[in-house]
Amino acid sequence: MNDDSLVAFKRLLAAYPCVRIVTYEEPGSYEMALSAAADLNLTPWVWTSTHGLRNALLADSPAVPESLNPGAALVWLRDNIAEGVMLIALDLSIHLDDPRTLRAALELIEFFRGEPGTASGDSRIVMIDHQDKVATALGEASVRFEIYPPDDDEIAVIIRSTLKRLSRHSQIQATMREADFRAYVQTLRGLSRRQVQALITECVAKERSFTAADYPKIVEAKRRLFQDSGVLEFVEAPANLDDIGGLKRLKAWLGERDLALSSAAQDVGLDAPRGVLLLGVQGAGKSLAARAIATAWKRPLMRLDPGALYDRYIGESEGRLRDALRQAEAMSPVVLWIDEIEKGFAGASSTSTDGGLSRRMFGSLLTWMQDHRKPVFLVATANDIEALPPELIRKGRFDEVFFVDLPGPDVRRTIFEIHLRRRKQDPRSIDLARVVAATEGFSGAEIEQVVVSALHRALASRIPGPTPDRITLTSDGLAGAIADTRPLSVTMAEKVQELRDWARERCVPAD
């Protein structure tokens, strides 16, 4: 932890008898607590469910008898301290479901509210837990200290110290330009200190090198970490705005806001853009647009899965949301994508059966959207307007609300050309006027599937092309695939039309 964190931590210890740290960086938090105890001239004691209560400065000291029981350990400490102490309790919160343990913790906290200058008044409790799960009474009697991911300067220090440590065993080739090194630092934003160390170690383990050429290893390793987290997912964003047919107004808007990311915009008091809400028909290109925004602005794309936030423990779901948003801020500048946002927070728009959890989660998201200052650009997509809480779409939440409608004739022609070229087909060999007219009411995704379906049929029938190894699509083949497709605008005609009618006067057309 850096010096600023230690100073802030000691300031809380001076004001509160119990400070809670919720983190997966237990070793670093433990060392910070020991350092604070030394600075405050407190004797550190540590409790764990596997070793009981013992003096933290004496590695071989025996544990207090019968102190594996957390309640017994807390009572013993209260009855036996003769000097100022700091109790560092690891994973104590999961034992506070026991009423006697909770009572012992509350009594010890109250005991530590004694007069300053006395053993009880100077003593403190530091709880280090992996879960934000405490009884309301203990939450009121304590304060939480946030462990933030390392900033750029600390990441640079961790990289250099890790390389130095690894070089003691075997020499590492570590040469690169300063610009390349800064790229590494920016890519490692949002990770914990241990994760940064682990990724650097993994990167150099095989070839004993750390150069600009090793950068893809770090990107891939980070992607795996976020896949395992279950809440934030690192998404590759190869699409660019030219890969999307239509959406001319959205593209123009993004082009203007791209300049707002520059230092020139900041010099005249323009804030960075905060986000857009993309409403529209399924398959119209909203998700593709989110990927393209990240590519166009050269920002990493993180996808937040609202469904992965919910947990059966009280308070844990809100904690996961806070952690995800904090992690996104630590990685800034970044594009944060919430796909089908209405599914994650649907319960916030009506009386739900989840005890108000959806509404609390939604409230936390709205507060963050209003207050965050880091350059995190939020892209939220939605298909079902009825499931969206009204607070989300009022002016001020997003910079703009766009409606992505079914593509018109010109846009459908462009979409056909894009997907034909992507699959090595020549659009000039297709009667585009014919297939465009036949796909009235089709979404972009449905047009893509028409091309894919026609290719499968051509491959199965082995229609030869100009070269023996190529399969060539024909206008008749595409027309056959179109005839066999029932678009959403037909199967759900009433719902699609209702959505289009609603958006006509309330949203900015994306095209």
Protein backbone atom coordinates (compact mmCIF):
# COMPACT_ATOMS: atom_id res chain seq x y z
CA MET A 1 0.00 0.00 0.00
CA ASN A 2 1.23 3.52 -0.65
CA ASP A 3 1.93 6.16 2.01
CA ASP A 4 -1.34 8.00 1.36
CA SER A 5 -3.34 4.86 2.17
CA LEU A 6 -1.43 4.37 5.42
CA VAL A 7 -2.02 7.99 6.47
CA ALA A 8 -5.75 7.74 5.75
CA PHE A 9 -5.93 4.42 7.58
CA LYS A 10 -4.28 5.83 10.72
CA ARG A 11 -6.63 8.82 10.62
CA LEU A 12 -9.61 6.46 10.83
CA LEU A 13 -7.98 4.48 13.62
CA ALA A 14 -7.64 7.70 15.60
CA ALA A 15 -11.38 8.32 15.37
CA TYR A 16 -12.97 4.84 15.49
CA PRO A 17 -12.39 1.84 17.77
CA CYS A 18 -13.12 -0.63 14.94
CA VAL A 19 -12.08 -0.32 11.30
CA ARG A 20 -13.23 -2.85 8.69
CA ILE A 21 -11.27 -3.64 5.51
CA VAL A 22 -13.06 -5.68 2.84
CA THR A 23 -10.49 -6.84 0.31
CA TYR A 24 -8.89 -9.78 -1.45
CA GLU A 25 -5.49 -8.21 -0.78
CA GLU A 26 -5.20 -9.67 2.71
CA PRO A 27 -1.36 -9.80 2.96
CA GLY A 28 -0.97 -6.14 2.00
CA SER A 29 -3.77 -5.08 4.35
CA TYR A 30 -2.26 -7.11 7.17
CA GLU A 31 1.15 -5.47 6.67
CA MET A 32 -0.53 -2.06 6.64
CA ALA A 33 -2.25 -2.83 9.96
CA LEU A 34 1.07 -3.95 11.50
CA SER A 35 2.73 -0.76 10.28
CA ALA A 36 -0.04 1.37 11.75
CA ALA A 37 0.21 -0.50 15.07
CA ALA A 38 3.94 0.25 15.22
CA ASP A 39 3.38 3.94 14.42
CA LEU A 40 0.65 4.19 17.10
CA ASN A 41 2.73 2.23 19.65
CA LEU A 42 0.11 -0.52 19.93
CA THR A 43 0.91 -4.19 20.49
CA PRO A 44 -0.57 -6.17 17.59
CA TRP A 45 -2.54 -9.34 18.23
CA VAL A 46 -3.94 -11.47 15.42
CA TRP A 47 -6.89 -13.86 15.40
CA THR A 48 -7.72 -16.50 12.80
CA SER A 49 -10.09 -19.43 12.97
CA THR A 50 -7.19 -21.83 12.31
CA HIS A 51 -4.59 -20.52 14.80
CA GLY A 52 -6.65 -18.68 17.39
CA LEU A 53 -5.46 -15.53 19.19
CA ARG A 54 -1.74 -14.82 19.51
CA ASN A 55 0.78 -12.01 19.66
CA ALA A 56 1.49 -10.99 16.06
CA LEU A 57 5.08 -9.93 16.84
CA LEU A 58 6.05 -13.34 18.21
CA ALA A 59 5.86 -15.81 15.34
CA ASP A 60 6.31 -18.86 17.58
CA SER A 61 4.13 -17.64 20.43
CA PRO A 62 1.47 -20.13 21.54
CA ALA A 63 -2.14 -19.22 20.98
CA VAL A 64 -4.35 -18.29 23.88
CA PRO A 65 -6.07 -21.52 25.07
CA GLU A 66 -9.49 -22.18 23.54
CA SER A 67 -9.20 -19.03 21.39
CA LEU A 68 -10.13 -20.78 18.16
CA ASN A 69 -13.64 -19.81 19.21
CA PRO A 70 -13.93 -16.15 18.14
CA GLY A 71 -16.25 -15.19 21.00
CA ALA A 72 -13.88 -16.66 23.58
CA ALA A 73 -10.91 -14.87 21.98
CA LEU A 74 -12.67 -11.50 22.12
CA VAL A 75 -13.72 -11.96 25.75
CA TRP A 76 -10.17 -13.02 26.73
CA LEU A 77 -8.66 -9.95 25.10
CA ARG A 78 -11.05 -7.64 26.92
CA ASP A 79 -10.31 -9.22 30.28
CA ASN A 80 -6.52 -9.42 29.90
CA ILE A 81 -5.13 -6.36 28.13
CA ALA A 82 -2.78 -4.24 30.21
CA GLU A 83 -1.57 -1.94 27.43
CA GLY A 84 -2.82 -0.50 24.17
CA VAL A 85 -3.34 -3.27 21.61
CA MET A 86 -4.48 -3.65 18.03
CA LEU A 87 -6.51 -6.76 17.33
CA ILE A 88 -6.20 -7.81 13.68
CA ALA A 89 -9.07 -10.22 13.07
CA LEU A 90 -9.01 -12.14 9.79
CA ASP A 91 -12.39 -13.26 8.41
CA LEU A 92 -14.18 -12.53 11.66
CA SER A 93 -17.33 -11.26 9.94
CA ILE A 94 -18.47 -14.72 8.81
CA HIS A 95 -18.61 -15.79 12.49
CA LEU A 96 -20.81 -12.88 13.58
CA ASP A 97 -23.98 -14.81 12.70
CA ASP A 98 -23.51 -16.40 16.12
CA PRO A 99 -25.29 -14.09 18.63
CA ARG A 100 -22.69 -14.67 21.35
CA THR A 101 -19.79 -13.83 19.05
CA LEU A 102 -21.59 -10.68 17.89
CA ARG A 103 -22.25 -9.70 21.50
CA ALA A 104 -18.58 -10.23 22.40
CA ALA A 105 -17.49 -8.08 19.43
CA LEU A 106 -19.87 -5.24 20.32
CA GLU A 107 -18.78 -5.30 23.97
CA LEU A 108 -15.10 -5.22 23.00
CA ILE A 109 -15.69 -2.29 20.64
CA GLU A 110 -17.53 -0.42 23.39
CA PHE A 111 -14.70 -1.24 25.82
CA PHE A 112 -12.22 0.27 23.37
CA ARG A 113 -14.15 3.56 23.51
CA GLY A 114 -12.49 4.28 26.84
CA GLU A 115 -10.59 7.41 27.80
CA PRO A 116 -7.59 8.24 25.57
CA GLY A 117 -4.31 7.45 27.28
CA THR A 118 -5.70 4.27 28.86
CA ALA A 119 -5.20 0.70 27.66
CA SER A 120 -8.82 0.41 26.59
CA GLY A 121 -9.10 3.89 25.10
CA ASP A 122 -6.01 3.49 22.92
CA SER A 123 -6.81 -0.04 21.70
CA ARG A 124 -8.31 -0.76 18.30
CA ILE A 125 -9.83 -3.59 16.24
CA VAL A 126 -9.01 -4.05 12.55
CA MET A 127 -11.25 -6.55 10.75
CA ILE A 128 -9.89 -7.82 7.42
CA ASP A 129 -12.53 -9.77 5.50
CA HIS A 130 -13.13 -11.09 2.01
CA GLN A 131 -16.88 -10.43 2.23
CA ASP A 132 -18.80 -7.28 3.14
CA LYS A 133 -21.16 -9.12 5.46
CA VAL A 134 -21.67 -7.73 8.95
CA ALA A 135 -24.65 -7.31 11.24
CA THR A 136 -26.25 -3.87 11.23
CA ALA A 137 -25.29 -3.28 14.85
CA LEU A 138 -21.61 -3.88 14.13
CA GLY A 139 -21.80 -1.83 10.96
CA GLU A 140 -23.03 1.11 13.04
CA ALA A 141 -20.24 0.63 15.60
CA SER A 142 -17.43 0.53 13.02
CA VAL A 143 -16.20 2.24 9.87
CA ARG A 144 -15.11 0.72 6.57
CA PHE A 145 -11.76 1.57 5.01
CA GLU A 146 -11.55 1.20 1.24
CA ILE A 147 -8.54 -0.46 -0.36
CA TYR A 148 -8.31 0.99 -3.85
CA PRO A 149 -6.44 -0.62 -6.74
CA PRO A 150 -2.95 0.80 -7.25
CA ASP A 151 -2.63 3.98 -9.29
CA ASP A 152 -0.24 4.34 -12.22
CA ASP A 153 2.75 5.35 -10.08
CA GLU A 154 2.29 2.39 -7.74
CA ILE A 155 1.81 -0.02 -10.66
CA ALA A 156 5.13 1.19 -12.11
CA VAL A 157 6.83 0.57 -8.75
CA ILE A 158 5.31 -2.93 -8.52
CA ILE A 159 6.48 -3.82 -12.05
CA ARG A 160 10.05 -2.69 -11.37
CA SER A 161 10.26 -4.35 -7.96
CA THR A 162 8.85 -7.62 -9.34
CA LEU A 163 11.36 -7.65 -12.19
CA LYS A 164 14.18 -6.90 -9.75
CA ARG A 165 13.10 -9.74 -7.47
CA LEU A 166 12.84 -12.22 -10.35
CA SER A 167 16.24 -11.17 -11.72
CA ARG A 168 17.93 -12.39 -8.53
CA HIS A 169 17.29 -15.98 -9.63
CA SER A 170 17.85 -15.61 -13.37
CA GLN A 171 18.72 -12.61 -15.52
CA ILE A 172 15.75 -11.00 -17.30
CA GLN A 173 16.02 -8.97 -20.48
CA ALA A 174 13.95 -5.89 -19.67
CA THR A 175 14.40 -3.15 -22.24
CA MET A 176 11.73 -0.95 -23.77
CA ARG A 177 10.88 2.66 -24.53
CA GLU A 178 9.18 4.76 -21.88
CA ALA A 179 6.04 4.93 -24.04
CA ASP A 180 5.86 1.11 -24.16
CA PHE A 181 6.33 0.91 -20.41
CA ARG A 182 3.46 3.37 -19.88
CA ALA A 183 1.28 1.19 -22.11
CA TYR A 184 1.97 -1.74 -19.77
CA VAL A 185 1.06 0.41 -16.77
CA GLN A 186 -2.23 1.55 -18.32
CA THR A 187 -3.17 -2.00 -19.29
CA LEU A 188 -2.64 -3.20 -15.71
CA ARG A 189 -5.02 -0.61 -14.27
CA GLY A 190 -7.85 -1.99 -12.18
CA LEU A 191 -5.93 -5.04 -10.97
CA SER A 192 -4.92 -5.71 -7.40
CA ARG A 193 -1.30 -5.51 -6.33
CA ARG A 194 -0.98 -9.27 -6.17
CA GLN A 195 -2.53 -9.62 -9.62
CA VAL A 196 -0.04 -7.15 -11.10
CA GLN A 197 2.82 -9.12 -9.58
CA ALA A 198 1.37 -12.41 -10.84
CA LEU A 199 0.88 -11.15 -14.40
CA ILE A 200 4.42 -9.77 -14.64
CA THR A 201 5.79 -13.04 -13.26
CA GLU A 202 3.75 -15.04 -15.78
CA CYS A 203 4.88 -12.78 -18.61
CA VAL A 204 8.62 -13.30 -18.00
CA ALA A 205 8.54 -16.88 -16.71
CA LYS A 206 9.18 -18.72 -19.97
CA GLU A 207 11.50 -16.57 -22.08
CA ARG A 208 12.93 -14.42 -19.26
CA SER A 209 12.20 -11.24 -21.18
CA PHE A 210 10.08 -8.13 -20.63
CA THR A 211 9.96 -6.12 -23.83
CA ALA A 212 7.35 -4.41 -25.98
CA ALA A 213 6.91 -7.69 -27.87
CA ASP A 214 5.57 -9.32 -24.68
CA TYR A 215 2.64 -6.90 -24.43
CA PRO A 216 0.05 -9.33 -25.93
CA LYS A 217 0.83 -11.78 -23.11
CA ILE A 218 -0.26 -9.22 -20.53
CA VAL A 219 -3.46 -8.42 -22.44
CA GLU A 220 -4.39 -12.09 -22.69
CA ALA A 221 -3.58 -12.79 -19.03
CA LYS A 222 -5.70 -9.84 -17.92
CA ARG A 223 -8.58 -11.04 -20.08
CA ARG A 224 -8.47 -14.40 -18.27
CA LEU A 225 -8.56 -12.70 -14.88
CA PHE A 226 -11.69 -10.76 -15.76
CA GLN A 227 -13.36 -13.85 -17.19
CA ASP A 228 -12.89 -15.50 -13.81
CA SER A 229 -14.26 -12.51 -11.87
CA GLY A 230 -17.81 -13.09 -13.15
CA VAL A 231 -18.87 -9.42 -12.90
CA LEU A 232 -16.60 -7.39 -15.18
CA GLU A 233 -15.55 -8.99 -18.45
CA PHE A 234 -12.76 -7.72 -20.68
CA VAL A 235 -14.19 -7.68 -24.23
CA GLU A 236 -12.24 -7.55 -27.44
CA ALA A 237 -13.53 -4.74 -29.61
CA PRO A 238 -12.25 -5.27 -33.16
CA ALA A 239 -15.28 -3.63 -34.75
CA ASN A 240 -14.96 -0.12 -36.07
CA LEU A 241 -17.65 2.31 -37.05
CA ASP A 242 -17.28 1.36 -40.72
CA ASP A 243 -18.39 -2.18 -39.82
CA ILE A 244 -21.83 -0.87 -38.88
CA GLY A 245 -24.33 0.08 -41.53
CA GLY A 246 -26.29 3.25 -40.85
CA LEU A 247 -26.38 4.95 -37.42
CA LYS A 248 -25.21 8.19 -39.05
CA ARG A 249 -26.37 10.48 -36.24
CA LEU A 250 -24.79 8.28 -33.58
CA LYS A 251 -21.52 8.17 -35.53
CA ALA A 252 -21.52 11.96 -35.96
CA TRP A 253 -22.21 12.42 -32.24
CA LEU A 254 -19.35 10.09 -31.34
CA GLY A 255 -17.04 11.93 -33.71
CA GLU A 256 -17.80 15.23 -31.98
CA ARG A 257 -17.34 13.74 -28.49
CA ASP A 258 -14.07 12.14 -29.51
CA LEU A 259 -12.65 15.67 -29.54
CA ALA A 260 -14.04 16.20 -26.03
CA LEU A 261 -11.52 13.64 -24.79
CA SER A 262 -8.63 15.90 -25.78
CA SER A 263 -6.71 18.29 -23.54
CA ALA A 264 -7.99 21.19 -25.65
CA ALA A 265 -11.55 20.42 -24.55
CA GLN A 266 -10.48 20.25 -20.91
CA ASP A 267 -8.74 23.62 -21.23
CA VAL A 268 -12.07 25.27 -22.07
CA GLY A 269 -13.95 23.52 -19.29
CA LEU A 270 -15.60 20.71 -21.26
CA ASP A 271 -16.05 17.53 -19.25
CA ALA A 272 -15.43 14.16 -20.82
CA PRO A 273 -18.63 12.52 -22.19
CA ARG A 274 -20.35 10.30 -19.63
CA GLY A 275 -22.41 7.86 -21.66
CA VAL A 276 -25.25 6.95 -24.00
CA LEU A 277 -28.32 4.78 -23.72
CA LEU A 278 -29.08 2.77 -26.86
CA LEU A 279 -32.70 1.67 -27.11
CA GLY A 280 -33.98 -0.30 -30.02
CA VAL A 281 -35.20 -3.41 -31.73
CA GLN A 282 -33.29 -6.61 -31.04
CA GLY A 283 -30.56 -7.26 -33.57
CA ALA A 284 -30.43 -3.68 -34.82
CA GLY A 285 -26.76 -3.22 -33.93
CA LYS A 286 -26.69 -1.84 -30.37
CA SER A 287 -24.12 -4.30 -29.04
CA LEU A 288 -21.95 -3.88 -32.13
CA ALA A 289 -22.08 -0.13 -31.61
CA ALA A 290 -20.79 -0.51 -28.04
CA ARG A 291 -17.77 -2.44 -29.34
CA ALA A 292 -17.20 0.08 -32.11
CA ILE A 293 -17.21 3.01 -29.67
CA ALA A 294 -14.35 1.46 -27.73
CA THR A 295 -12.36 0.88 -30.91
CA ALA A 296 -13.06 4.34 -32.32
CA TRP A 297 -11.95 6.03 -29.09
CA LYS A 298 -9.06 3.60 -28.50
CA ARG A 299 -10.30 2.65 -25.06
CA PRO A 300 -10.55 -0.79 -23.43
CA LEU A 301 -14.07 -2.22 -23.32
CA MET A 302 -15.38 -3.76 -20.11
CA ARG A 303 -18.75 -5.50 -19.99
CA LEU A 304 -20.70 -5.49 -16.73
CA ASP A 305 -23.01 -8.49 -16.34
CA PRO A 306 -25.85 -7.33 -14.03
CA GLY A 307 -26.99 -10.91 -13.49
CA ALA A 308 -23.63 -11.83 -11.93
CA LEU A 309 -24.01 -9.11 -9.30
CA TYR A 310 -26.77 -10.76 -7.33
CA ASP A 311 -25.81 -12.87 -4.33
CA ARG A 312 -27.82 -14.62 -1.68
CA TYR A 313 -26.03 -12.83 1.17
CA ILE A 314 -27.44 -9.52 2.35
CA GLY A 315 -25.20 -6.66 1.32
CA GLU A 316 -22.98 -8.77 -0.91
CA SER A 317 -24.74 -7.79 -4.15
CA GLU A 318 -24.36 -4.08 -3.44
CA GLY A 319 -20.72 -4.71 -2.58
CA ARG A 320 -20.13 -6.44 -5.89
CA LEU A 321 -21.62 -3.51 -7.78
CA ARG A 322 -19.48 -1.02 -5.86
CA ASP A 323 -16.37 -3.09 -6.51
CA ALA A 324 -17.14 -3.38 -10.22
CA LEU A 325 -17.69 0.36 -10.62
CA ARG A 326 -14.60 1.13 -8.56
CA GLN A 327 -12.59 -1.23 -10.73
CA ALA A 328 -13.89 0.45 -13.89
CA GLU A 329 -12.81 3.82 -12.51
CA ALA A 330 -9.38 2.44 -11.67
CA MET A 331 -9.00 1.32 -15.30
CA SER A 332 -10.10 4.66 -16.76
CA PRO A 333 -10.21 5.86 -19.44
CA VAL A 334 -12.49 2.94 -20.32
CA VAL A 335 -15.82 2.16 -22.01
CA LEU A 336 -18.16 0.35 -19.60
CA TRP A 337 -20.87 -1.62 -21.38
CA ILE A 338 -24.05 -2.82 -19.64
CA ASP A 339 -25.89 -5.00 -22.13
CA GLU A 340 -29.66 -5.38 -21.75
CA ILE A 341 -29.64 -3.20 -18.66
CA GLU A 342 -33.36 -3.69 -18.16
CA LYS A 343 -32.83 -7.36 -17.26
CA GLY A 344 -30.41 -6.57 -14.48
CA PHE A 345 -32.49 -3.88 -12.80
CA ALA A 346 -36.02 -4.79 -13.88
CA GLY A 347 -37.21 -5.14 -10.28
CA ALA A 348 -36.41 -1.46 -9.63
CA SER A 349 -39.30 -0.30 -11.82
CA SER A 350 -42.06 -2.00 -9.88
CA THR A 351 -42.92 -3.67 -6.62
CA SER A 352 -40.51 -6.59 -6.51
CA THR A 353 -40.25 -9.67 -4.34
CA ASP A 354 -36.54 -9.33 -3.60
CA GLY A 355 -36.88 -7.16 -0.51
CA GLY A 356 -35.95 -3.99 -2.35
CA LEU A 357 -32.57 -5.32 -3.50
CA SER A 358 -33.09 -4.36 -7.16
CA ARG A 359 -34.12 -0.84 -6.19
CA ARG A 360 -31.10 -0.43 -3.89
CA MET A 361 -28.78 -1.72 -6.61
CA PHE A 362 -30.37 0.59 -9.15
CA GLY A 363 -30.06 3.51 -6.76
CA SER A 364 -26.35 2.80 -6.31
CA LEU A 365 -25.88 2.77 -10.08
CA LEU A 366 -27.75 6.07 -10.52
CA THR A 367 -25.69 7.70 -7.77
CA TRP A 368 -22.48 6.58 -9.41
CA MET A 369 -23.65 7.80 -12.83
CA GLN A 370 -24.34 11.21 -11.32
CA ASP A 371 -21.24 11.58 -9.16
CA HIS A 372 -18.32 9.77 -10.78
CA ARG A 373 -15.58 11.99 -12.15
CA LYS A 374 -13.18 9.50 -13.72
CA PRO A 375 -13.35 9.13 -17.55
CA VAL A 376 -15.61 6.07 -17.64
CA PHE A 377 -17.94 6.19 -20.65
CA LEU A 378 -21.08 4.16 -19.98
CA VAL A 379 -22.84 2.46 -22.89
CA ALA A 380 -26.13 0.87 -21.83
CA THR A 381 -28.28 -1.07 -24.27
CA ALA A 382 -31.93 -2.01 -23.82
CA ASN A 383 -34.63 -3.78 -25.82
CA ASP A 384 -37.67 -3.54 -23.54
CA ILE A 385 -38.57 0.04 -22.65
CA GLU A 386 -41.40 -1.06 -20.35
CA ALA A 387 -38.93 -2.80 -18.04
CA LEU A 388 -36.72 0.29 -17.67
CA PRO A 389 -37.16 2.36 -14.50
CA PRO A 390 -38.26 5.88 -15.56
CA GLU A 391 -35.41 7.47 -13.57
CA LEU A 392 -32.88 5.94 -15.94
CA ILE A 393 -34.03 7.71 -19.07
CA ARG A 394 -34.64 11.19 -17.72
CA LYS A 395 -32.39 13.96 -19.01
CA GLY A 396 -29.04 14.19 -17.28
CA ARG A 397 -28.49 10.49 -16.63
CA PHE A 398 -26.91 10.00 -20.05
CA ASP A 399 -25.46 12.51 -22.48
CA GLU A 400 -27.97 11.24 -25.03
CA VAL A 401 -30.61 8.54 -25.54
CA PHE A 402 -30.54 7.09 -29.05
CA PHE A 403 -33.11 4.84 -30.68
CA VAL A 404 -31.70 2.21 -33.02
CA ASP A 405 -34.50 1.42 -35.45
CA LEU A 406 -34.86 -1.21 -38.14
CA PRO A 407 -32.64 -0.27 -41.08
CA GLY A 408 -34.02 1.47 -44.15
CA PRO A 409 -33.27 0.44 -47.76
CA ASP A 410 -29.94 2.27 -48.07
CA VAL A 411 -28.71 0.93 -44.73
CA ARG A 412 -29.81 -2.62 -45.58
CA ARG A 413 -27.82 -2.39 -48.81
CA THR A 414 -24.73 -1.32 -46.81
CA ILE A 415 -25.26 -4.16 -44.33
CA PHE A 416 -25.45 -6.70 -47.15
CA GLU A 417 -22.24 -5.32 -48.65
CA ILE A 418 -20.43 -5.49 -45.30
CA HIS A 419 -21.37 -9.11 -44.60
CA LEU A 420 -20.78 -10.27 -48.16
CA ARG A 421 -17.28 -8.80 -48.23
CA ARG A 422 -16.53 -10.20 -44.78
CA ARG A 423 -17.25 -13.67 -46.18
CA LYS A 424 -15.22 -13.13 -49.36
CA GLN A 425 -18.24 -12.58 -51.61
CA ASP A 426 -18.40 -9.87 -54.28
CA PRO A 427 -21.47 -7.64 -53.74
CA ARG A 428 -21.33 -6.68 -57.44
CA SER A 429 -22.33 -10.24 -58.32
CA ILE A 430 -25.57 -9.93 -56.33
CA ASP A 431 -28.76 -8.16 -57.37
CA LEU A 432 -28.71 -5.99 -54.26
CA ALA A 433 -31.85 -4.07 -55.25
CA ARG A 434 -33.76 -7.36 -55.23
CA VAL A 435 -32.54 -8.64 -51.85
CA VAL A 436 -32.84 -5.20 -50.23
CA ALA A 437 -36.47 -4.93 -51.28
CA ALA A 438 -37.16 -8.45 -49.99
CA THR A 439 -35.75 -7.69 -46.53
CA GLU A 440 -38.11 -4.89 -45.55
CA GLY A 441 -38.48 -5.10 -41.73
CA PHE A 442 -35.29 -7.15 -41.23
CA SER A 443 -32.76 -6.13 -38.59
CA GLY A 444 -29.03 -6.04 -39.22
CA ALA A 445 -28.53 -9.30 -37.31
CA GLU A 446 -31.26 -10.98 -39.38
CA ILE A 447 -29.62 -9.82 -42.62
CA GLU A 448 -26.33 -11.29 -41.44
CA GLN A 449 -28.03 -14.61 -40.74
CA VAL A 450 -29.58 -14.55 -44.22
CA VAL A 451 -26.08 -14.34 -45.70
CA VAL A 452 -24.81 -17.09 -43.38
CA SER A 453 -27.77 -19.35 -44.17
CA ALA A 454 -27.34 -18.87 -47.93
CA LEU A 455 -23.64 -19.71 -47.62
CA HIS A 456 -24.42 -22.94 -45.77
CA ARG A 457 -26.83 -23.96 -48.51
CA ALA A 458 -24.32 -23.09 -51.21
CA LEU A 459 -21.64 -25.08 -49.43
CA ALA A 460 -23.95 -28.07 -49.00
CA SER A 461 -24.94 -28.06 -52.68
CA ARG A 462 -21.34 -27.37 -53.73
CA ILE A 463 -22.22 -24.69 -56.28
CA PRO A 464 -18.85 -24.06 -57.94
CA GLY A 465 -17.41 -20.58 -58.14
CA PRO A 466 -14.81 -18.97 -60.42
CA THR A 467 -12.11 -20.99 -58.65
CA PRO A 468 -12.48 -24.65 -57.61
CA ASP A 469 -12.07 -23.98 -53.86
CA ARG A 470 -14.51 -21.10 -53.59
CA ILE A 471 -18.22 -21.03 -52.88
CA THR A 472 -20.09 -18.18 -54.57
CA LEU A 473 -23.42 -16.84 -53.44
CA THR A 474 -26.13 -16.00 -55.95
CA SER A 475 -29.09 -13.66 -55.82
CA ASP A 476 -31.42 -16.67 -55.97
CA GLY A 477 -29.61 -18.28 -53.04
CA LEU A 478 -30.04 -15.16 -50.92
CA ALA A 479 -33.65 -14.80 -51.99
CA GLY A 480 -34.34 -18.37 -50.87
CA ALA A 481 -32.82 -17.73 -47.45
CA ILE A 482 -34.85 -14.54 -47.12
CA ALA A 483 -38.09 -16.35 -47.98
CA ASP A 484 -37.45 -18.87 -45.19
CA THR A 485 -36.82 -16.19 -42.55
CA ARG A 486 -39.52 -14.66 -40.38
CA PRO A 487 -38.08 -11.44 -38.92
CA LEU A 488 -38.87 -10.20 -35.44
CA SER A 489 -40.89 -7.36 -36.94
CA VAL A 490 -43.32 -10.02 -38.14
CA THR A 491 -43.31 -12.52 -35.27
CA MET A 492 -43.60 -9.74 -32.67
CA ALA A 493 -45.11 -7.03 -34.87
CA GLU A 494 -47.24 -5.38 -32.18
CA LYS A 495 -44.43 -5.12 -29.63
CA VAL A 496 -41.92 -3.80 -32.18
CA GLN A 497 -44.36 -1.18 -33.44
CA GLU A 498 -45.21 -0.12 -29.90
CA LEU A 499 -41.51 0.40 -29.18
CA ARG A 500 -41.03 2.44 -32.36
CA ASP A 501 -44.06 4.60 -31.57
CA TRP A 502 -42.81 5.26 -28.04
CA ALA A 503 -39.32 6.27 -29.21
CA ARG A 504 -40.49 8.58 -32.01
CA GLU A 505 -40.92 11.62 -29.73
CA ARG A 506 -38.66 10.62 -26.86
CA CYS A 507 -35.34 9.57 -28.37
CA VAL A 508 -32.83 10.81 -30.91
CA PRO A 509 -32.86 8.59 -34.02
CA ALA A 510 -29.50 6.88 -34.32
CA ASP A 511 -29.73 7.06 -38.12
